[in-house]
């Protein structure tokens, strides 16, 4: 697993960026948002990445407004990405895609 200490987000940090955020290294898992709301995909993606039940996660609305997040990415012509931390993970939302990596450096559990 790559050393991602320089990329660590503070607990209450989030940002919208026009830059392409690095989500191609092995520490990120990507999930398609096709046919689902972005907020649902975020919860499912973090649960899968951490190997936890979605009901065991923190409440998403405690970090971001799920309706606002859905509205922001409903229009697929949006440029940029929204980056925030949630339930011990860094979440990078792009139009149609959610990328997640654990902040504690934990290994992703296989759950097939």
PDB file of N, CA and C in Angstrom:
ATOM      1  N   UNK A   1       0.830  -1.173   0.000  1.00  0.00           N
ATOM      2  CA  UNK A   1       0.000   0.000   0.000  1.00  0.00           C
ATOM      3  C   UNK A   1       0.884   1.248   0.000  1.00  0.00           C
ATOM      4  N   UNK A   2       0.644   2.204  -0.890  1.00  0.00           N
ATOM      5  CA  UNK A   2       1.483   3.381  -0.959  1.00  0.00           C
ATOM      6  C   UNK A   2       1.357   4.226   0.308  1.00  0.00           C
ATOM      7  N   UNK A   3       2.404   4.984   0.631  1.00  0.00           N
ATOM      8  CA  UNK A   3       2.358   5.891   1.762  1.00  0.00           C
ATOM      9  C   UNK A   3       1.576   7.121   1.350  1.00  0.00           C
ATOM     10  N   UNK A   4       0.452   7.357   2.015  1.00  0.00           N
ATOM     11  CA  UNK A   4      -0.435   8.455   1.639  1.00  0.00           C
ATOM     12  C   UNK A   4      -0.499   9.510   2.736  1.00  0.00           C
ATOM     13  N   UNK A   5       0.498   9.580   3.603  1.00  0.00           N
ATOM     14  CA  UNK A   5       0.471  10.495   4.733  1.00  0.00           C
ATOM     15  C   UNK A   5       0.297  11.946   4.285  1.00  0.00           C
ATOM     16  N   UNK A   6       0.898  12.332   3.175  1.00  0.00           N
ATOM     17  CA  UNK A   6       0.788  13.706   2.711  1.00  0.00           C
ATOM     18  C   UNK A   6      -0.607  14.037   2.203  1.00  0.00           C
ATOM     19  N   UNK A   7      -1.388  13.027   1.847  1.00  0.00           N
ATOM     20  CA  UNK A   7      -2.720  13.243   1.306  1.00  0.00           C
ATOM     21  C   UNK A   7      -3.799  13.188   2.376  1.00  0.00           C
ATOM     22  N   UNK A   8      -3.427  12.951   3.641  1.00  0.00           N
ATOM     23  CA  UNK A   8      -4.404  12.765   4.707  1.00  0.00           C
ATOM     24  C   UNK A   8      -5.276  14.004   4.872  1.00  0.00           C
ATOM     25  N   UNK A   9      -6.581  13.808   4.889  1.00  0.00           N
ATOM     26  CA  UNK A   9      -7.515  14.903   5.099  1.00  0.00           C
ATOM     27  C   UNK A   9      -7.787  15.072   6.577  1.00  0.00           C
ATOM     28  N   UNK A  10      -7.871  16.292   7.020  1.00  0.00           N
ATOM     29  CA  UNK A  10      -8.273  16.551   8.392  1.00  0.00           C
ATOM     30  C   UNK A  10      -9.722  16.134   8.563  1.00  0.00           C
ATOM     31  N   UNK A  11     -10.134  15.917   9.799  1.00  0.00           N
ATOM     32  CA  UNK A  11     -11.457  15.384  10.112  1.00  0.00           C
ATOM     33  C   UNK A  11     -12.580  16.188   9.459  1.00  0.00           C
ATOM     34  N   UNK A  12     -12.516  17.500   9.464  1.00  0.00           N
ATOM     35  CA  UNK A  12     -13.603  18.321   8.947  1.00  0.00           C
ATOM     36  C   UNK A  12     -13.263  18.993   7.626  1.00  0.00           C
ATOM     37  N   UNK A  13     -12.391  18.400   6.851  1.00  0.00           N
ATOM     38  CA  UNK A  13     -11.964  18.988   5.589  1.00  0.00           C
ATOM     39  C   UNK A  13     -12.766  18.423   4.429  1.00  0.00           C
ATOM     40  N   UNK A  14     -13.191  19.307   3.563  1.00  0.00           N
ATOM     41  CA  UNK A  14     -13.753  18.899   2.290  1.00  0.00           C
ATOM     42  C   UNK A  14     -13.479  20.026   1.304  1.00  0.00           C
ATOM     43  N   UNK A  15     -13.485  19.680   0.035  1.00  0.00           N
ATOM     44  CA  UNK A  15     -13.200  20.695  -0.974  1.00  0.00           C
ATOM     45  C   UNK A  15     -13.764  20.283  -2.323  1.00  0.00           C
ATOM     46  N   UNK A  16     -14.014  21.268  -3.136  1.00  0.00           N
ATOM     47  CA  UNK A  16     -14.425  21.061  -4.514  1.00  0.00           C
ATOM     48  C   UNK A  16     -13.246  21.517  -5.350  1.00  0.00           C
ATOM     49  N   UNK A  17     -12.841  20.716  -6.308  1.00  0.00           N
ATOM     50  CA  UNK A  17     -11.674  21.056  -7.102  1.00  0.00           C
ATOM     51  C   UNK A  17     -11.930  20.799  -8.577  1.00  0.00           C
ATOM     52  N   UNK A  18     -11.340  21.642  -9.406  1.00  0.00           N
ATOM     53  CA  UNK A  18     -11.401  21.434 -10.859  1.00  0.00           C
ATOM     54  C   UNK A  18     -10.268  20.537 -11.319  1.00  0.00           C
ATOM     55  N   UNK A  19      -9.271  20.353 -10.461  1.00  0.00           N
ATOM     56  CA  UNK A  19      -8.124  19.523 -10.809  1.00  0.00           C
ATOM     57  C   UNK A  19      -8.510  18.051 -10.763  1.00  0.00           C
ATOM     58  N   UNK A  20      -7.848  17.267 -11.548  1.00  0.00           N
ATOM     59  CA  UNK A  20      -8.054  15.826 -11.512  1.00  0.00           C
ATOM     60  C   UNK A  20      -7.362  15.287 -10.278  1.00  0.00           C
ATOM     61  N   UNK A  21      -8.123  14.752  -9.358  1.00  0.00           N
ATOM     62  CA  UNK A  21      -7.582  14.236  -8.112  1.00  0.00           C
ATOM     63  C   UNK A  21      -7.014  12.855  -8.361  1.00  0.00           C
ATOM     64  N   UNK A  22      -5.886  12.538  -7.734  1.00  0.00           N
ATOM     65  CA  UNK A  22      -5.233  11.251  -7.952  1.00  0.00           C
ATOM     66  C   UNK A  22      -6.036  10.125  -7.312  1.00  0.00           C
ATOM     67  N   UNK A  23      -6.777   9.397  -8.106  1.00  0.00           N
ATOM     68  CA  UNK A  23      -7.530   8.250  -7.584  1.00  0.00           C
ATOM     69  C   UNK A  23      -7.163   6.980  -8.334  1.00  0.00           C
ATOM     70  N   UNK A  24      -6.038   7.001  -9.001  1.00  0.00           N
ATOM     71  CA  UNK A  24      -5.667   5.845  -9.812  1.00  0.00           C
ATOM     72  C   UNK A  24      -4.695   4.905  -9.118  1.00  0.00           C
ATOM     73  N   UNK A  25      -4.152   5.308  -7.959  1.00  0.00           N
ATOM     74  CA  UNK A  25      -3.223   4.391  -7.309  1.00  0.00           C
ATOM     75  C   UNK A  25      -3.992   3.268  -6.621  1.00  0.00           C
ATOM     76  N   UNK A  26      -3.264   2.268  -6.162  1.00  0.00           N
ATOM     77  CA  UNK A  26      -3.878   1.061  -5.608  1.00  0.00           C
ATOM     78  C   UNK A  26      -4.623   1.273  -4.302  1.00  0.00           C
ATOM     79  N   UNK A  27      -4.484   2.424  -3.668  1.00  0.00           N
ATOM     80  CA  UNK A  27      -5.148   2.635  -2.390  1.00  0.00           C
ATOM     81  C   UNK A  27      -6.615   3.019  -2.553  1.00  0.00           C
ATOM     82  N   UNK A  28      -7.039   3.366  -3.761  1.00  0.00           N
ATOM     83  CA  UNK A  28      -8.430   3.770  -4.002  1.00  0.00           C
ATOM     84  C   UNK A  28      -9.235   2.641  -4.637  1.00  0.00           C
ATOM     85  N   UNK A  29     -10.467   2.511  -4.198  1.00  0.00           N
ATOM     86  CA  UNK A  29     -11.447   1.642  -4.851  1.00  0.00           C
ATOM     87  C   UNK A  29     -12.447   2.556  -5.527  1.00  0.00           C
ATOM     88  N   UNK A  30     -12.807   2.252  -6.753  1.00  0.00           N
ATOM     89  CA  UNK A  30     -13.761   3.099  -7.467  1.00  0.00           C
ATOM     90  C   UNK A  30     -15.080   2.366  -7.662  1.00  0.00           C
ATOM     91  N   UNK A  31     -16.148   3.143  -7.623  1.00  0.00           N
ATOM     92  CA  UNK A  31     -17.505   2.619  -7.730  1.00  0.00           C
ATOM     93  C   UNK A  31     -18.286   3.471  -8.717  1.00  0.00           C
ATOM     94  N   UNK A  32     -19.038   2.836  -9.585  1.00  0.00           N
ATOM     95  CA  UNK A  32     -19.876   3.536 -10.552  1.00  0.00           C
ATOM     96  C   UNK A  32     -21.145   4.025  -9.870  1.00  0.00           C
ATOM     97  N   UNK A  33     -21.581   5.204 -10.253  1.00  0.00           N
ATOM     98  CA  UNK A  33     -22.807   5.768  -9.704  1.00  0.00           C
ATOM     99  C   UNK A  33     -23.952   5.651 -10.693  1.00  0.00           C
ATOM    100  N   UNK A  34     -23.819   4.765 -11.635  1.00  0.00           N
ATOM    101  CA  UNK A  34     -24.842   4.589 -12.664  1.00  0.00           C
ATOM    102  C   UNK A  34     -26.139   4.057 -12.062  1.00  0.00           C
ATOM    103  N   UNK A  35     -27.214   4.821 -12.188  1.00  0.00           N
ATOM    104  CA  UNK A  35     -28.531   4.379 -11.740  1.00  0.00           C
ATOM    105  C   UNK A  35     -28.802   4.553 -10.262  1.00  0.00           C
ATOM    106  N   UNK A  36     -27.845   5.063  -9.484  1.00  0.00           N
ATOM    107  CA  UNK A  36     -28.031   5.288  -8.051  1.00  0.00           C
ATOM    108  C   UNK A  36     -27.696   6.735  -7.724  1.00  0.00           C
ATOM    109  N   UNK A  37     -28.217   7.219  -6.612  1.00  0.00           N
ATOM    110  CA  UNK A  37     -27.829   8.557  -6.177  1.00  0.00           C
ATOM    111  C   UNK A  37     -26.392   8.501  -5.670  1.00  0.00           C
ATOM    112  N   UNK A  38     -25.688   9.600  -5.805  1.00  0.00           N
ATOM    113  CA  UNK A  38     -24.302   9.667  -5.358  1.00  0.00           C
ATOM    114  C   UNK A  38     -24.210   9.361  -3.867  1.00  0.00           C
ATOM    115  N   UNK A  39     -25.136   9.879  -3.079  1.00  0.00           N
ATOM    116  CA  UNK A  39     -25.066   9.649  -1.631  1.00  0.00           C
ATOM    117  C   UNK A  39     -25.220   8.172  -1.283  1.00  0.00           C
ATOM    118  N   UNK A  40     -26.059   7.447  -2.005  1.00  0.00           N
ATOM    119  CA  UNK A  40     -26.197   5.996  -1.784  1.00  0.00           C
ATOM    120  C   UNK A  40     -24.912   5.270  -2.160  1.00  0.00           C
ATOM    121  N   UNK A  41     -24.295   5.687  -3.244  1.00  0.00           N
ATOM    122  CA  UNK A  41     -23.050   5.066  -3.683  1.00  0.00           C
ATOM    123  C   UNK A  41     -21.941   5.336  -2.672  1.00  0.00           C
ATOM    124  N   UNK A  42     -21.890   6.544  -2.118  1.00  0.00           N
ATOM    125  CA  UNK A  42     -20.870   6.867  -1.116  1.00  0.00           C
ATOM    126  C   UNK A  42     -20.982   5.920   0.075  1.00  0.00           C
ATOM    127  N   UNK A  43     -22.187   5.732   0.589  1.00  0.00           N
ATOM    128  CA  UNK A  43     -22.379   4.856   1.751  1.00  0.00           C
ATOM    129  C   UNK A  43     -22.002   3.420   1.399  1.00  0.00           C
ATOM    130  N   UNK A  44     -22.456   2.937   0.250  1.00  0.00           N
ATOM    131  CA  UNK A  44     -22.129   1.570  -0.172  1.00  0.00           C
ATOM    132  C   UNK A  44     -20.628   1.406  -0.389  1.00  0.00           C
ATOM    133  N   UNK A  45     -19.992   2.398  -0.995  1.00  0.00           N
ATOM    134  CA  UNK A  45     -18.563   2.335  -1.293  1.00  0.00           C
ATOM    135  C   UNK A  45     -17.726   2.316  -0.017  1.00  0.00           C
ATOM    136  N   UNK A  46     -18.066   3.151   0.935  1.00  0.00           N
ATOM    137  CA  UNK A  46     -17.319   3.189   2.192  1.00  0.00           C
ATOM    138  C   UNK A  46     -17.537   1.895   2.972  1.00  0.00           C
ATOM    139  N   UNK A  47     -18.759   1.404   2.986  1.00  0.00           N
ATOM    140  CA  UNK A  47     -19.043   0.136   3.668  1.00  0.00           C
ATOM    141  C   UNK A  47     -18.240  -1.007   3.045  1.00  0.00           C
ATOM    142  N   UNK A  48     -18.205  -1.062   1.742  1.00  0.00           N
ATOM    143  CA  UNK A  48     -17.461  -2.116   1.041  1.00  0.00           C
ATOM    144  C   UNK A  48     -15.965  -1.984   1.296  1.00  0.00           C
ATOM    145  N   UNK A  49     -15.453  -0.780   1.205  1.00  0.00           N
ATOM    146  CA  UNK A  49     -14.023  -0.540   1.386  1.00  0.00           C
ATOM    147  C   UNK A  49     -13.558  -0.905   2.793  1.00  0.00           C
ATOM    148  N   UNK A  50     -14.382  -0.604   3.779  1.00  0.00           N
ATOM    149  CA  UNK A  50     -14.006  -0.857   5.174  1.00  0.00           C
ATOM    150  C   UNK A  50     -14.450  -2.230   5.665  1.00  0.00           C
ATOM    151  N   UNK A  51     -15.267  -2.934   4.879  1.00  0.00           N
ATOM    152  CA  UNK A  51     -15.765  -4.242   5.295  1.00  0.00           C
ATOM    153  C   UNK A  51     -16.792  -4.158   6.410  1.00  0.00           C
ATOM    154  N   UNK A  52     -17.483  -3.029   6.487  1.00  0.00           N
ATOM    155  CA  UNK A  52     -18.484  -2.819   7.528  1.00  0.00           C
ATOM    156  C   UNK A  52     -19.885  -2.787   6.938  1.00  0.00           C
ATOM    157  N   UNK A  53     -20.868  -3.039   7.773  1.00  0.00           N
ATOM    158  CA  UNK A  53     -22.258  -2.906   7.381  1.00  0.00           C
ATOM    159  C   UNK A  53     -22.569  -1.415   7.234  1.00  0.00           C
ATOM    160  N   UNK A  54     -23.343  -1.010   6.216  1.00  0.00           N
ATOM    161  CA  UNK A  54     -23.661   0.413   6.059  1.00  0.00           C
ATOM    162  C   UNK A  54     -24.299   1.035   7.306  1.00  0.00           C
ATOM    163  N   UNK A  55     -25.035   0.250   8.075  1.00  0.00           N
ATOM    164  CA  UNK A  55     -25.668   0.775   9.274  1.00  0.00           C
ATOM    165  C   UNK A  55     -24.677   1.033  10.406  1.00  0.00           C
ATOM    166  N   UNK A  56     -23.465   0.491  10.291  1.00  0.00           N
ATOM    167  CA  UNK A  56     -22.424   0.717  11.290  1.00  0.00           C
ATOM    168  C   UNK A  56     -21.615   1.983  11.022  1.00  0.00           C
ATOM    169  N   UNK A  57     -21.804   2.591   9.863  1.00  0.00           N
ATOM    170  CA  UNK A  57     -21.052   3.793   9.501  1.00  0.00           C
ATOM    171  C   UNK A  57     -21.616   5.014  10.218  1.00  0.00           C
ATOM    172  N   UNK A  58     -20.803   6.074  10.278  1.00  0.00           N
ATOM    173  CA  UNK A  58     -21.300   7.359  10.756  1.00  0.00           C
ATOM    174  C   UNK A  58     -22.427   7.807   9.822  1.00  0.00           C
ATOM    175  N   UNK A  59     -23.235   8.729  10.282  1.00  0.00           N
ATOM    176  CA  UNK A  59     -24.300   9.264   9.428  1.00  0.00           C
ATOM    177  C   UNK A  59     -23.680  10.199   8.385  1.00  0.00           C
ATOM    178  N   UNK A  60     -24.006   9.984   7.121  1.00  0.00           N
ATOM    179  CA  UNK A  60     -23.446  10.807   6.050  1.00  0.00           C
ATOM    180  C   UNK A  60     -23.808  12.275   6.248  1.00  0.00           C
ATOM    181  N   UNK A  61     -25.025  12.553   6.686  1.00  0.00           N
ATOM    182  CA  UNK A  61     -25.434  13.947   6.858  1.00  0.00           C
ATOM    183  C   UNK A  61     -24.631  14.661   7.949  1.00  0.00           C
ATOM    184  N   UNK A  62     -23.901  13.912   8.753  1.00  0.00           N
ATOM    185  CA  UNK A  62     -23.005  14.522   9.729  1.00  0.00           C
ATOM    186  C   UNK A  62     -21.745  15.080   9.091  1.00  0.00           C
ATOM    187  N   UNK A  63     -21.465  14.696   7.865  1.00  0.00           N
ATOM    188  CA  UNK A  63     -20.276  15.159   7.126  1.00  0.00           C
ATOM    189  C   UNK A  63     -20.632  16.107   5.990  1.00  0.00           C
ATOM    190  N   UNK A  64     -21.640  15.712   5.198  1.00  0.00           N
ATOM    191  CA  UNK A  64     -22.090  16.523   4.067  1.00  0.00           C
ATOM    192  C   UNK A  64     -23.604  16.406   3.977  1.00  0.00           C
ATOM    193  N   UNK A  65     -24.217  17.325   3.275  1.00  0.00           N
ATOM    194  CA  UNK A  65     -25.659  17.267   3.036  1.00  0.00           C
ATOM    195  C   UNK A  65     -25.891  16.310   1.866  1.00  0.00           C
ATOM    196  N   UNK A  66     -26.484  15.123   2.114  1.00  0.00           N
ATOM    197  CA  UNK A  66     -26.664  14.147   1.028  1.00  0.00           C
ATOM    198  C   UNK A  66     -27.489  14.681  -0.136  1.00  0.00           C
ATOM    199  N   UNK A  67     -28.524  15.472   0.153  1.00  0.00           N
ATOM    200  CA  UNK A  67     -29.344  16.028  -0.932  1.00  0.00           C
ATOM    201  C   UNK A  67     -28.538  16.997  -1.787  1.00  0.00           C
ATOM    202  N   UNK A  68     -27.738  17.835  -1.141  1.00  0.00           N
ATOM    203  CA  UNK A  68     -26.897  18.773  -1.890  1.00  0.00           C
ATOM    204  C   UNK A  68     -25.862  18.020  -2.723  1.00  0.00           C
ATOM    205  N   UNK A  69     -25.284  16.960  -2.154  1.00  0.00           N
ATOM    206  CA  UNK A  69     -24.314  16.152  -2.888  1.00  0.00           C
ATOM    207  C   UNK A  69     -24.966  15.516  -4.113  1.00  0.00           C
ATOM    208  N   UNK A  70     -26.161  14.961  -3.934  1.00  0.00           N
ATOM    209  CA  UNK A  70     -26.890  14.375  -5.064  1.00  0.00           C
ATOM    210  C   UNK A  70     -27.199  15.426  -6.119  1.00  0.00           C
ATOM    211  N   UNK A  71     -27.673  16.597  -5.668  1.00  0.00           N
ATOM    212  CA  UNK A  71     -28.008  17.671  -6.612  1.00  0.00           C
ATOM    213  C   UNK A  71     -26.781  18.140  -7.387  1.00  0.00           C
ATOM    214  N   UNK A  72     -25.651  18.225  -6.701  1.00  0.00           N
ATOM    215  CA  UNK A  72     -24.422  18.695  -7.341  1.00  0.00           C
ATOM    216  C   UNK A  72     -24.003  17.795  -8.491  1.00  0.00           C
ATOM    217  N   UNK A  73     -24.201  16.474  -8.320  1.00  0.00           N
ATOM    218  CA  UNK A  73     -23.726  15.533  -9.334  1.00  0.00           C
ATOM    219  C   UNK A  73     -24.843  14.910 -10.164  1.00  0.00           C
ATOM    220  N   UNK A  74     -26.062  15.443 -10.073  1.00  0.00           N
ATOM    221  CA  UNK A  74     -27.150  14.970 -10.931  1.00  0.00           C
ATOM    222  C   UNK A  74     -26.892  15.395 -12.365  1.00  0.00           C
ATOM    223  N   UNK A  75     -26.398  16.610 -12.534  1.00  0.00           N
ATOM    224  CA  UNK A  75     -26.043  17.120 -13.857  1.00  0.00           C
ATOM    225  C   UNK A  75     -24.672  16.574 -14.210  1.00  0.00           C
ATOM    226  N   UNK A  76     -24.608  15.600 -15.100  1.00  0.00           N
ATOM    227  CA  UNK A  76     -23.343  14.936 -15.447  1.00  0.00           C
ATOM    228  C   UNK A  76     -22.349  15.851 -16.147  1.00  0.00           C
ATOM    229  N   UNK A  77     -22.766  17.083 -16.490  1.00  0.00           N
ATOM    230  CA  UNK A  77     -21.834  17.991 -17.150  1.00  0.00           C
ATOM    231  C   UNK A  77     -20.998  18.783 -16.140  1.00  0.00           C
ATOM    232  N   UNK A  78     -21.162  18.499 -14.856  1.00  0.00           N
ATOM    233  CA  UNK A  78     -20.377  19.163 -13.815  1.00  0.00           C
ATOM    234  C   UNK A  78     -18.907  18.805 -13.995  1.00  0.00           C
ATOM    235  N   UNK A  79     -18.059  19.814 -13.941  1.00  0.00           N
ATOM    236  CA  UNK A  79     -16.614  19.583 -13.968  1.00  0.00           C
ATOM    237  C   UNK A  79     -16.113  19.645 -12.535  1.00  0.00           C
ATOM    238  N   UNK A  80     -15.118  18.874 -12.232  1.00  0.00           N
ATOM    239  CA  UNK A  80     -14.514  18.931 -10.916  1.00  0.00           C
ATOM    240  C   UNK A  80     -14.881  17.738 -10.059  1.00  0.00           C
ATOM    241  N   UNK A  81     -14.350  17.747  -8.867  1.00  0.00           N
ATOM    242  CA  UNK A  81     -14.538  16.654  -7.925  1.00  0.00           C
ATOM    243  C   UNK A  81     -14.790  17.235  -6.544  1.00  0.00           C
ATOM    244  N   UNK A  82     -15.506  16.489  -5.713  1.00  0.00           N
ATOM    245  CA  UNK A  82     -15.767  16.878  -4.332  1.00  0.00           C
ATOM    246  C   UNK A  82     -15.066  15.860  -3.454  1.00  0.00           C
ATOM    247  N   UNK A  83     -14.196  16.318  -2.563  1.00  0.00           N
ATOM    248  CA  UNK A  83     -13.370  15.444  -1.746  1.00  0.00           C
ATOM    249  C   UNK A  83     -13.686  15.704  -0.277  1.00  0.00           C
ATOM    250  N   UNK A  84     -13.960  14.626   0.476  1.00  0.00           N
ATOM    251  CA  UNK A  84     -14.235  14.776   1.898  1.00  0.00           C
ATOM    252  C   UNK A  84     -13.908  13.474   2.617  1.00  0.00           C
ATOM    253  N   UNK A  85     -13.842  13.550   3.949  1.00  0.00           N
ATOM    254  CA  UNK A  85     -13.605  12.345   4.735  1.00  0.00           C
ATOM    255  C   UNK A  85     -14.919  11.896   5.343  1.00  0.00           C
ATOM    256  N   UNK A  86     -15.068  10.553   5.458  1.00  0.00           N
ATOM    257  CA  UNK A  86     -16.303   9.972   5.979  1.00  0.00           C
ATOM    258  C   UNK A  86     -16.008   8.580   6.532  1.00  0.00           C
ATOM    259  N   UNK A  87     -16.322   8.364   7.779  1.00  0.00           N
ATOM    260  CA  UNK A  87     -16.164   7.054   8.434  1.00  0.00           C
ATOM    261  C   UNK A  87     -14.782   6.443   8.236  1.00  0.00           C
ATOM    262  N   UNK A  88     -13.750   7.270   8.410  1.00  0.00           N
ATOM    263  CA  UNK A  88     -12.381   6.779   8.311  1.00  0.00           C
ATOM    264  C   UNK A  88     -11.859   6.625   6.904  1.00  0.00           C
ATOM    265  N   UNK A  89     -12.554   7.197   5.929  1.00  0.00           N
ATOM    266  CA  UNK A  89     -12.138   7.097   4.532  1.00  0.00           C
ATOM    267  C   UNK A  89     -12.083   8.469   3.886  1.00  0.00           C
ATOM    268  N   UNK A  90     -11.254   8.581   2.868  1.00  0.00           N
ATOM    269  CA  UNK A  90     -11.278   9.740   1.993  1.00  0.00           C
ATOM    270  C   UNK A  90     -12.182   9.371   0.827  1.00  0.00           C
ATOM    271  N   UNK A  91     -13.125  10.242   0.514  1.00  0.00           N
ATOM    272  CA  UNK A  91     -14.086  10.008  -0.556  1.00  0.00           C
ATOM    273  C   UNK A  91     -13.880  11.077  -1.626  1.00  0.00           C
ATOM    274  N   UNK A  92     -13.747  10.644  -2.868  1.00  0.00           N
ATOM    275  CA  UNK A  92     -13.587  11.552  -3.999  1.00  0.00           C
ATOM    276  C   UNK A  92     -14.762  11.299  -4.946  1.00  0.00           C
ATOM    277  N   UNK A  93     -15.642  12.304  -5.053  1.00  0.00           N
ATOM    278  CA  UNK A  93     -16.823  12.171  -5.901  1.00  0.00           C
ATOM    279  C   UNK A  93     -16.596  12.936  -7.194  1.00  0.00           C
ATOM    280  N   UNK A  94     -16.785  12.245  -8.305  1.00  0.00           N
ATOM    281  CA  UNK A  94     -16.716  12.824  -9.644  1.00  0.00           C
ATOM    282  C   UNK A  94     -18.024  12.483 -10.331  1.00  0.00           C
ATOM    283  N   UNK A  95     -18.356  13.164 -11.419  1.00  0.00           N
ATOM    284  CA  UNK A  95     -19.582  12.795 -12.116  1.00  0.00           C
ATOM    285  C   UNK A  95     -19.579  11.314 -12.497  1.00  0.00           C
ATOM    286  N   UNK A  96     -20.526  10.563 -11.943  1.00  0.00           N
ATOM    287  CA  UNK A  96     -20.677   9.154 -12.276  1.00  0.00           C
ATOM    288  C   UNK A  96     -19.768   8.187 -11.534  1.00  0.00           C
ATOM    289  N   UNK A  97     -18.872   8.691 -10.681  1.00  0.00           N
ATOM    290  CA  UNK A  97     -17.902   7.824 -10.018  1.00  0.00           C
ATOM    291  C   UNK A  97     -17.638   8.282  -8.585  1.00  0.00           C
ATOM    292  N   UNK A  98     -17.460   7.293  -7.712  1.00  0.00           N
ATOM    293  CA  UNK A  98     -17.026   7.556  -6.339  1.00  0.00           C
ATOM    294  C   UNK A  98     -15.767   6.727  -6.099  1.00  0.00           C
ATOM    295  N   UNK A  99     -14.692   7.367  -5.635  1.00  0.00           N
ATOM    296  CA  UNK A  99     -13.459   6.671  -5.287  1.00  0.00           C
ATOM    297  C   UNK A  99     -13.244   6.802  -3.783  1.00  0.00           C
ATOM    298  N   UNK A 100     -12.823   5.699  -3.157  1.00  0.00           N
ATOM    299  CA  UNK A 100     -12.681   5.666  -1.700  1.00  0.00           C
ATOM    300  C   UNK A 100     -11.370   5.002  -1.325  1.00  0.00           C
ATOM    301  N   UNK A 101     -10.717   5.540  -0.295  1.00  0.00           N
ATOM    302  CA  UNK A 101      -9.567   4.870   0.304  1.00  0.00           C
ATOM    303  C   UNK A 101      -9.633   5.072   1.810  1.00  0.00           C
ATOM    304  N   UNK A 102      -9.156   4.077   2.554  1.00  0.00           N
ATOM    305  CA  UNK A 102      -9.120   4.186   4.003  1.00  0.00           C
ATOM    306  C   UNK A 102      -8.007   5.131   4.418  1.00  0.00           C
ATOM    307  N   UNK A 103      -8.282   6.003   5.378  1.00  0.00           N
ATOM    308  CA  UNK A 103      -7.290   6.966   5.843  1.00  0.00           C
ATOM    309  C   UNK A 103      -6.306   6.369   6.824  1.00  0.00           C
ATOM    310  N   UNK A 104      -6.708   5.304   7.520  1.00  0.00           N
ATOM    311  CA  UNK A 104      -5.825   4.716   8.524  1.00  0.00           C
ATOM    312  C   UNK A 104      -4.825   3.762   7.923  1.00  0.00           C
ATOM    313  N   UNK A 105      -4.828   3.619   6.620  1.00  0.00           N
ATOM    314  CA  UNK A 105      -3.890   2.722   5.962  1.00  0.00           C
ATOM    315  C   UNK A 105      -4.303   1.270   6.025  1.00  0.00           C
ATOM    316  N   UNK A 106      -5.518   1.014   6.493  1.00  0.00           N
ATOM    317  CA  UNK A 106      -6.006  -0.364   6.600  1.00  0.00           C
ATOM    318  C   UNK A 106      -6.171  -1.018   5.246  1.00  0.00           C
ATOM    319  N   UNK A 107      -6.003  -2.285   5.226  1.00  0.00           N
ATOM    320  CA  UNK A 107      -6.177  -3.055   3.998  1.00  0.00           C
ATOM    321  C   UNK A 107      -7.665  -3.290   3.754  1.00  0.00           C
ATOM    322  N   UNK A 108      -8.045  -3.258   2.527  1.00  0.00           N
ATOM    323  CA  UNK A 108      -9.427  -3.528   2.157  1.00  0.00           C
ATOM    324  C   UNK A 108      -9.710  -5.014   2.341  1.00  0.00           C
ATOM    325  N   UNK A 109     -10.850  -5.315   2.950  1.00  0.00           N
ATOM    326  CA  UNK A 109     -11.225  -6.710   3.145  1.00  0.00           C
ATOM    327  C   UNK A 109     -11.941  -7.221   1.911  1.00  0.00           C
ATOM    328  N   UNK A 110     -11.636  -8.438   1.517  1.00  0.00           N
ATOM    329  CA  UNK A 110     -12.332  -9.062   0.384  1.00  0.00           C
ATOM    330  C   UNK A 110     -13.712  -9.485   0.844  1.00  0.00           C
ATOM    331  N   UNK A 111     -14.717  -9.070   0.097  1.00  0.00           N
ATOM    332  CA  UNK A 111     -16.093  -9.448   0.446  1.00  0.00           C
ATOM    333  C   UNK A 111     -16.840  -9.782  -0.835  1.00  0.00           C
ATOM    334  N   UNK A 112     -16.712 -10.956  -1.262  1.00  0.00           N
ATOM    335  CA  UNK A 112     -17.359 -11.400  -2.496  1.00  0.00           C
ATOM    336  C   UNK A 112     -18.443 -12.392  -2.170  1.00  0.00           C
TER     337      UNK A 112
END
